[in-house]
Amino acid sequence: MNYSVTFHATGSAAIVGLPEVAFVALIQALVRVGDDPFEHSSAGQRSDPNYREIEFGDFGIAAFYVDRPRRAVMVYEVVWAA
């Protein structure tokens, strides 16, 4: 990975109860984000292009912030359908 990927407390709390197949899809999506967070995601709802979103299969969306100087990605929100 070119970028480290970590979960903020809110992102971590949002995955409690996530089904295993959805969790695997989330991790696979975040591995791609770690390789290149801008190629494998879309701009989020904010004006700052470092706020990004990625879909993980048909299960949901993960929102994250890219800290370019630190080469780090912080997942701050995960939304999924139960």
N, C-alpha and C. Protein backbone atom coordinates (compact mmCIF):
# COMPACT_ATOMS: atom_id res chain seq x y z
N MET A 1 0.83 -1.18 0.00
CA MET A 1 0.00 0.00 0.00
C MET A 1 0.87 1.24 0.00
N ASN A 2 0.44 2.22 -0.74
CA ASN A 2 1.13 3.50 -0.76
C ASN A 2 0.66 4.42 0.37
N TYR A 3 -0.58 4.24 0.81
CA TYR A 3 -1.17 5.04 1.89
C TYR A 3 -1.59 4.09 3.01
N SER A 4 -1.39 4.51 4.25
CA SER A 4 -1.92 3.71 5.35
C SER A 4 -3.41 4.04 5.49
N VAL A 5 -4.19 3.04 5.84
CA VAL A 5 -5.63 3.22 6.00
C VAL A 5 -5.99 2.87 7.43
N THR A 6 -6.63 3.81 8.13
CA THR A 6 -7.08 3.58 9.49
C THR A 6 -8.52 4.05 9.64
N PHE A 7 -9.17 3.57 10.68
CA PHE A 7 -10.55 3.95 10.96
C PHE A 7 -10.59 4.96 12.09
N HIS A 8 -11.34 6.03 11.90
CA HIS A 8 -11.69 6.94 12.99
C HIS A 8 -12.70 6.18 13.86
N ALA A 9 -12.88 6.60 15.08
CA ALA A 9 -13.81 5.91 15.99
C ALA A 9 -15.21 5.82 15.40
N THR A 10 -15.67 6.87 14.72
CA THR A 10 -17.02 6.83 14.14
C THR A 10 -17.11 5.83 13.00
N GLY A 11 -16.06 5.74 12.20
CA GLY A 11 -16.03 4.76 11.11
C GLY A 11 -15.99 3.35 11.65
N SER A 12 -15.22 3.15 12.69
CA SER A 12 -15.12 1.83 13.30
C SER A 12 -16.45 1.41 13.93
N ALA A 13 -17.11 2.34 14.60
CA ALA A 13 -18.39 2.03 15.23
C ALA A 13 -19.46 1.69 14.20
N ALA A 14 -19.34 2.26 13.00
CA ALA A 14 -20.36 2.06 11.97
C ALA A 14 -20.34 0.66 11.36
N ILE A 15 -19.26 -0.09 11.57
CA ILE A 15 -19.19 -1.42 10.94
C ILE A 15 -19.61 -2.54 11.89
N VAL A 16 -20.00 -2.19 13.11
CA VAL A 16 -20.49 -3.20 14.04
C VAL A 16 -21.74 -3.84 13.44
N GLY A 17 -21.74 -5.15 13.34
CA GLY A 17 -22.88 -5.87 12.78
C GLY A 17 -22.83 -6.04 11.28
N LEU A 18 -21.81 -5.50 10.64
CA LEU A 18 -21.68 -5.64 9.18
C LEU A 18 -21.52 -7.12 8.84
N PRO A 19 -22.34 -7.64 7.93
CA PRO A 19 -22.21 -9.06 7.56
C PRO A 19 -20.81 -9.36 7.00
N GLU A 20 -20.37 -10.59 7.17
CA GLU A 20 -19.02 -10.97 6.77
C GLU A 20 -18.73 -10.66 5.31
N VAL A 21 -19.65 -10.98 4.42
CA VAL A 21 -19.42 -10.76 2.99
C VAL A 21 -19.27 -9.26 2.70
N ALA A 22 -20.02 -8.42 3.39
CA ALA A 22 -19.90 -6.97 3.22
C ALA A 22 -18.59 -6.47 3.82
N PHE A 23 -18.18 -7.04 4.95
CA PHE A 23 -16.91 -6.65 5.57
C PHE A 23 -15.74 -6.96 4.63
N VAL A 24 -15.77 -8.13 4.02
CA VAL A 24 -14.72 -8.50 3.07
C VAL A 24 -14.70 -7.52 1.90
N ALA A 25 -15.87 -7.17 1.38
CA ALA A 25 -15.95 -6.20 0.28
C ALA A 25 -15.41 -4.84 0.70
N LEU A 26 -15.70 -4.43 1.93
CA LEU A 26 -15.18 -3.16 2.45
C LEU A 26 -13.66 -3.18 2.51
N ILE A 27 -13.11 -4.24 3.06
CA ILE A 27 -11.65 -4.34 3.18
C ILE A 27 -11.00 -4.36 1.79
N GLN A 28 -11.59 -5.08 0.86
CA GLN A 28 -11.04 -5.11 -0.51
C GLN A 28 -11.06 -3.71 -1.14
N ALA A 29 -12.14 -2.97 -0.92
CA ALA A 29 -12.23 -1.61 -1.45
C ALA A 29 -11.18 -0.71 -0.80
N LEU A 30 -10.97 -0.86 0.50
CA LEU A 30 -10.00 -0.02 1.19
C LEU A 30 -8.56 -0.37 0.83
N VAL A 31 -8.31 -1.61 0.46
CA VAL A 31 -6.97 -1.97 -0.04
C VAL A 31 -6.70 -1.21 -1.34
N ARG A 32 -7.71 -1.12 -2.21
CA ARG A 32 -7.55 -0.34 -3.45
C ARG A 32 -7.33 1.13 -3.12
N VAL A 33 -8.04 1.64 -2.14
CA VAL A 33 -7.85 3.03 -1.72
C VAL A 33 -6.42 3.24 -1.23
N GLY A 34 -5.90 2.29 -0.47
CA GLY A 34 -4.53 2.41 0.01
C GLY A 34 -3.52 2.45 -1.12
N ASP A 35 -3.82 1.78 -2.22
CA ASP A 35 -2.92 1.81 -3.38
C ASP A 35 -2.94 3.19 -4.04
N ASP A 36 -4.12 3.74 -4.21
CA ASP A 36 -4.26 5.08 -4.80
C ASP A 36 -5.64 5.63 -4.43
N PRO A 37 -5.71 6.47 -3.41
CA PRO A 37 -7.02 6.93 -2.93
C PRO A 37 -7.78 7.81 -3.91
N PHE A 38 -7.12 8.35 -4.90
CA PHE A 38 -7.82 9.23 -5.83
C PHE A 38 -8.28 8.49 -7.08
N GLU A 39 -7.60 7.44 -7.46
CA GLU A 39 -8.00 6.66 -8.63
C GLU A 39 -9.20 5.78 -8.34
N HIS A 40 -9.28 5.28 -7.13
CA HIS A 40 -10.30 4.28 -6.79
C HIS A 40 -11.44 4.83 -5.96
N SER A 41 -11.71 6.14 -6.09
CA SER A 41 -12.79 6.74 -5.31
C SER A 41 -13.35 7.93 -6.06
N SER A 42 -14.39 8.51 -5.49
CA SER A 42 -14.97 9.71 -6.07
C SER A 42 -14.97 10.82 -5.03
N ALA A 43 -15.09 12.04 -5.51
CA ALA A 43 -15.13 13.18 -4.59
C ALA A 43 -16.37 13.06 -3.71
N GLY A 44 -16.21 13.39 -2.46
CA GLY A 44 -17.33 13.33 -1.53
C GLY A 44 -18.25 14.53 -1.67
N GLN A 45 -19.07 14.75 -0.69
CA GLN A 45 -20.05 15.82 -0.71
C GLN A 45 -19.46 17.17 -0.29
N ARG A 46 -18.21 17.21 0.07
CA ARG A 46 -17.59 18.45 0.53
C ARG A 46 -16.77 19.08 -0.59
N SER A 47 -16.46 20.35 -0.43
CA SER A 47 -15.71 21.05 -1.47
C SER A 47 -14.22 20.68 -1.47
N ASP A 48 -13.71 20.15 -0.38
CA ASP A 48 -12.31 19.74 -0.28
C ASP A 48 -12.14 18.41 -1.01
N PRO A 49 -11.29 18.34 -2.05
CA PRO A 49 -11.13 17.11 -2.82
C PRO A 49 -10.47 15.97 -2.04
N ASN A 50 -9.95 16.25 -0.86
CA ASN A 50 -9.35 15.20 -0.04
C ASN A 50 -10.40 14.38 0.70
N TYR A 51 -11.64 14.86 0.74
CA TYR A 51 -12.74 14.06 1.27
C TYR A 51 -13.26 13.21 0.12
N ARG A 52 -13.22 11.90 0.29
CA ARG A 52 -13.52 10.98 -0.80
C ARG A 52 -14.54 9.93 -0.34
N GLU A 53 -15.11 9.22 -1.31
CA GLU A 53 -16.04 8.13 -1.03
C GLU A 53 -15.73 6.96 -1.95
N ILE A 54 -16.02 5.76 -1.46
CA ILE A 54 -15.88 4.57 -2.29
C ILE A 54 -17.03 3.62 -1.96
N GLU A 55 -17.57 3.00 -2.98
CA GLU A 55 -18.59 1.97 -2.78
C GLU A 55 -17.89 0.65 -2.51
N PHE A 56 -18.48 -0.15 -1.65
CA PHE A 56 -17.95 -1.50 -1.46
C PHE A 56 -19.04 -2.49 -1.85
N GLY A 57 -18.90 -2.97 -3.09
CA GLY A 57 -19.91 -3.85 -3.66
C GLY A 57 -21.25 -3.14 -3.71
N ASP A 58 -22.31 -3.91 -3.51
CA ASP A 58 -23.66 -3.34 -3.43
C ASP A 58 -24.05 -3.13 -1.97
N PHE A 59 -23.07 -3.18 -1.08
CA PHE A 59 -23.36 -3.16 0.35
C PHE A 59 -23.42 -1.77 0.95
N GLY A 60 -22.60 -0.84 0.46
CA GLY A 60 -22.61 0.47 1.06
C GLY A 60 -21.50 1.37 0.55
N ILE A 61 -21.28 2.44 1.31
CA ILE A 61 -20.29 3.46 0.95
C ILE A 61 -19.43 3.75 2.17
N ALA A 62 -18.13 3.91 1.92
CA ALA A 62 -17.21 4.35 2.96
C ALA A 62 -16.71 5.74 2.59
N ALA A 63 -16.73 6.64 3.55
CA ALA A 63 -16.24 8.00 3.35
C ALA A 63 -14.92 8.15 4.10
N PHE A 64 -13.97 8.83 3.48
CA PHE A 64 -12.66 8.95 4.10
C PHE A 64 -12.00 10.27 3.73
N TYR A 65 -10.97 10.60 4.50
CA TYR A 65 -10.18 11.81 4.25
C TYR A 65 -8.76 11.38 3.91
N VAL A 66 -8.18 12.01 2.89
CA VAL A 66 -6.82 11.71 2.47
C VAL A 66 -5.89 12.80 3.01
N ASP A 67 -4.95 12.38 3.83
CA ASP A 67 -3.91 13.28 4.35
C ASP A 67 -2.67 13.05 3.49
N ARG A 68 -2.53 13.83 2.45
CA ARG A 68 -1.45 13.61 1.47
C ARG A 68 -0.05 13.70 2.08
N PRO A 69 0.26 14.73 2.89
CA PRO A 69 1.62 14.80 3.44
C PRO A 69 2.01 13.56 4.27
N ARG A 70 1.05 13.01 4.97
CA ARG A 70 1.33 11.83 5.81
C ARG A 70 1.09 10.51 5.07
N ARG A 71 0.58 10.61 3.84
CA ARG A 71 0.25 9.43 3.05
C ARG A 71 -0.65 8.49 3.86
N ALA A 72 -1.71 9.10 4.39
CA ALA A 72 -2.63 8.37 5.26
C ALA A 72 -4.08 8.63 4.84
N VAL A 73 -4.90 7.62 5.05
CA VAL A 73 -6.33 7.70 4.77
C VAL A 73 -7.06 7.39 6.07
N MET A 74 -8.01 8.25 6.45
CA MET A 74 -8.80 8.05 7.66
C MET A 74 -10.25 7.82 7.26
N VAL A 75 -10.75 6.62 7.52
CA VAL A 75 -12.15 6.29 7.24
C VAL A 75 -12.98 6.85 8.39
N TYR A 76 -13.86 7.80 8.09
CA TYR A 76 -14.63 8.44 9.15
C TYR A 76 -16.11 8.08 9.13
N GLU A 77 -16.57 7.44 8.06
CA GLU A 77 -17.98 7.05 8.02
C GLU A 77 -18.16 5.84 7.10
N VAL A 78 -18.99 4.92 7.53
CA VAL A 78 -19.37 3.77 6.71
C VAL A 78 -20.89 3.66 6.79
N VAL A 79 -21.53 3.66 5.63
CA VAL A 79 -22.98 3.55 5.56
C VAL A 79 -23.31 2.28 4.80
N TRP A 80 -24.15 1.45 5.39
CA TRP A 80 -24.51 0.19 4.75
C TRP A 80 -25.95 -0.15 5.07
N ALA A 81 -26.54 -0.95 4.19
CA ALA A 81 -27.93 -1.37 4.38
C ALA A 81 -27.97 -2.69 5.14
N ALA A 82 -28.82 -2.74 6.11
CA ALA A 82 -28.94 -3.96 6.92
C ALA A 82 -29.75 -5.02 6.21
